[in-house]
Amino acid sequence: MTKELDYSIEEIKETAKTILSLNPLAKIFIFNGEMGSGKTTLIKAIVKELGYKGAVNSPTFSLINEYFNGTKIYHFDFYRIKNTSELLDLGIEEYISSNNWCFIEWPNLIVKMLPDEFIELNIDPISDNKRKLRINY
């Protein structure tokens, strides 16, 4: 199924709730969008909606950030990953089979490795404060 919606930064909390309600079985979310489209900002809102109280930061340099709120939450940024062997070296198969929350930015190399149940989010800027979100679930 596909759902489309527009949202602003003021509506991001409600957008995060909507995303989490679409497919209760899916815990893997992949985010597509150009640099600066708001992938990390949306992931921060989703992680907060899951109940995490601490700071949520971009894993651009660390590649993986781990958060804990009673369950583990993983936030990946694969922008700098060049090939699937780098993903395997990171232990990506263990992460995606762990049944923990996984939020993946720049997922191009990992899509073929994912289980059937995942949600794909495509973010396109409409203006400085508005985004169009296309969700495949």
Protein backbone atom coordinates (compact mmCIF):
# COMPACT_ATOMS: atom_id res chain seq x y z
CA MET A 1 0.00 0.00 0.00
CA THR A 2 1.05 3.60 -0.48
CA LYS A 3 0.16 6.65 1.57
CA GLU A 4 1.07 10.24 0.70
CA LEU A 5 1.00 13.20 3.02
CA ASP A 6 2.46 16.66 3.35
CA TYR A 7 3.81 17.84 6.68
CA SER A 8 5.61 20.77 8.26
CA ILE A 9 8.00 20.80 11.20
CA GLU A 10 5.05 21.77 13.41
CA GLU A 11 3.24 18.60 12.27
CA ILE A 12 6.19 16.22 12.56
CA LYS A 13 5.10 14.61 15.85
CA GLU A 14 1.72 13.68 14.37
CA THR A 15 3.47 12.48 11.20
CA ALA A 16 5.72 10.21 13.31
CA LYS A 17 2.63 8.73 15.01
CA THR A 18 1.03 8.09 11.62
CA ILE A 19 4.16 6.35 10.31
CA LEU A 20 4.36 4.05 13.34
CA SER A 21 0.68 3.09 13.02
CA LEU A 22 0.79 1.95 9.37
CA ASN A 23 2.16 -1.56 9.77
CA PRO A 24 2.54 -2.80 13.34
CA LEU A 25 4.63 -5.78 12.19
CA ALA A 26 7.32 -3.71 10.49
CA LYS A 27 10.25 -2.52 12.57
CA ILE A 28 12.55 -1.69 9.65
CA PHE A 29 12.13 1.69 7.97
CA ILE A 30 14.18 2.94 5.03
CA PHE A 31 14.39 6.64 4.20
CA ASN A 32 15.04 8.04 0.74
CA GLY A 33 15.50 11.69 -0.07
CA GLU A 34 18.11 14.13 -1.22
CA MET A 35 20.68 15.59 1.15
CA GLY A 36 18.90 18.01 3.48
CA SER A 37 15.41 16.70 2.76
CA GLY A 38 14.70 15.97 6.43
CA LYS A 39 15.41 12.26 6.81
CA THR A 40 17.25 12.65 10.12
CA THR A 41 14.73 15.15 11.46
CA LEU A 42 11.87 12.74 10.77
CA ILE A 43 13.78 9.83 12.34
CA LYS A 44 14.42 11.94 15.45
CA ALA A 45 10.67 12.52 15.75
CA ILE A 46 9.90 8.82 15.32
CA VAL A 47 12.50 7.77 17.92
CA LYS A 48 11.03 10.31 20.35
CA GLU A 49 7.55 8.95 19.60
CA LEU A 50 8.84 5.49 20.57
CA GLY A 51 9.54 6.93 24.00
CA TYR A 52 13.27 7.61 23.87
CA LYS A 53 14.04 10.60 26.11
CA GLY A 54 17.70 11.30 25.25
CA ALA A 55 19.37 13.16 22.41
CA VAL A 56 18.95 11.69 18.93
CA ASN A 57 21.78 12.60 16.56
CA SER A 58 22.72 11.87 12.99
CA PRO A 59 25.00 8.84 12.61
CA THR A 60 26.74 10.36 9.59
CA PHE A 61 30.25 9.63 10.89
CA SER A 62 29.57 6.75 13.28
CA LEU A 63 27.31 5.01 10.70
CA ILE A 64 25.17 3.53 13.50
CA ASN A 65 23.63 5.13 16.58
CA GLU A 66 22.00 2.93 19.18
CA TYR A 67 19.29 4.10 21.56
CA PHE A 68 17.54 2.17 24.31
CA ASN A 69 14.05 2.72 25.69
CA GLY A 70 13.26 -0.77 26.95
CA THR A 71 14.04 -2.07 23.48
CA LYS A 72 16.91 -1.24 21.18
CA ILE A 73 16.55 1.33 18.43
CA TYR A 74 19.16 1.53 15.66
CA HIS A 75 19.64 4.54 13.39
CA PHE A 76 21.88 3.96 10.36
CA ASP A 77 23.34 6.40 7.86
CA PHE A 78 24.88 4.56 4.91
CA TYR A 79 25.75 7.61 2.81
CA ARG A 80 29.47 6.80 2.94
CA ILE A 81 29.10 3.03 2.41
CA LYS A 82 30.48 1.99 -0.97
CA ASN A 83 29.52 -1.69 -1.26
CA THR A 84 27.64 -4.54 0.42
CA SER A 85 30.82 -6.05 1.87
CA GLU A 86 31.15 -2.93 4.05
CA LEU A 87 27.61 -3.55 5.31
CA LEU A 88 28.44 -7.17 6.08
CA ASP A 89 31.58 -6.06 7.95
CA LEU A 90 29.35 -3.85 10.12
CA GLY A 91 27.23 -6.90 10.99
CA ILE A 92 24.15 -5.53 9.26
CA GLU A 93 22.53 -8.94 9.01
CA GLU A 94 22.46 -9.22 12.82
CA TYR A 95 20.92 -5.76 13.17
CA ILE A 96 18.15 -6.32 10.63
CA SER A 97 17.28 -9.78 11.98
CA SER A 98 17.27 -8.64 15.63
CA ASN A 99 13.58 -7.63 15.69
CA ASN A 100 14.63 -4.25 17.05
CA TRP A 101 13.69 -0.92 15.50
CA CYS A 102 15.91 -0.06 12.52
CA PHE A 103 15.81 3.32 10.78
CA ILE A 104 18.03 3.42 7.70
CA GLU A 105 19.11 6.50 5.74
CA TRP A 106 20.65 6.03 2.27
CA PRO A 107 19.43 2.38 1.99
CA ASN A 108 20.29 1.69 -1.67
CA LEU A 109 22.83 -1.06 -0.95
CA ILE A 110 20.81 -2.78 1.74
CA VAL A 111 17.35 -3.06 0.18
CA LYS A 112 17.98 -6.53 -1.27
CA MET A 113 19.12 -7.76 2.15
CA LEU A 114 15.95 -6.71 3.98
CA PRO A 115 13.15 -9.03 5.08
CA ASP A 116 9.73 -8.68 3.44
CA GLU A 117 8.26 -6.52 6.22
CA PHE A 118 9.72 -3.04 5.96
CA ILE A 119 8.40 0.45 5.35
CA GLU A 120 9.88 2.71 2.68
CA LEU A 121 9.63 6.48 3.13
CA ASN A 122 10.42 8.91 0.32
CA ILE A 123 10.80 12.54 1.36
CA ASP A 124 10.68 15.45 -1.09
CA PRO A 125 11.02 19.10 -0.06
CA ILE A 126 8.09 21.31 -1.09
CA SER A 127 9.45 24.43 0.62
CA ASP A 128 11.82 25.29 3.48
CA ASN A 129 9.22 24.18 6.01
CA LYS A 130 7.08 21.68 4.11
CA ARG A 131 7.77 18.12 2.95
CA LYS A 132 5.89 15.60 0.81
CA LEU A 133 6.12 12.10 2.19
CA ARG A 134 5.32 8.98 0.15
CA ILE A 135 5.16 5.85 2.28
CA ASN A 136 5.18 2.31 0.88
CA TYR A 137 4.14 -0.28 3.42
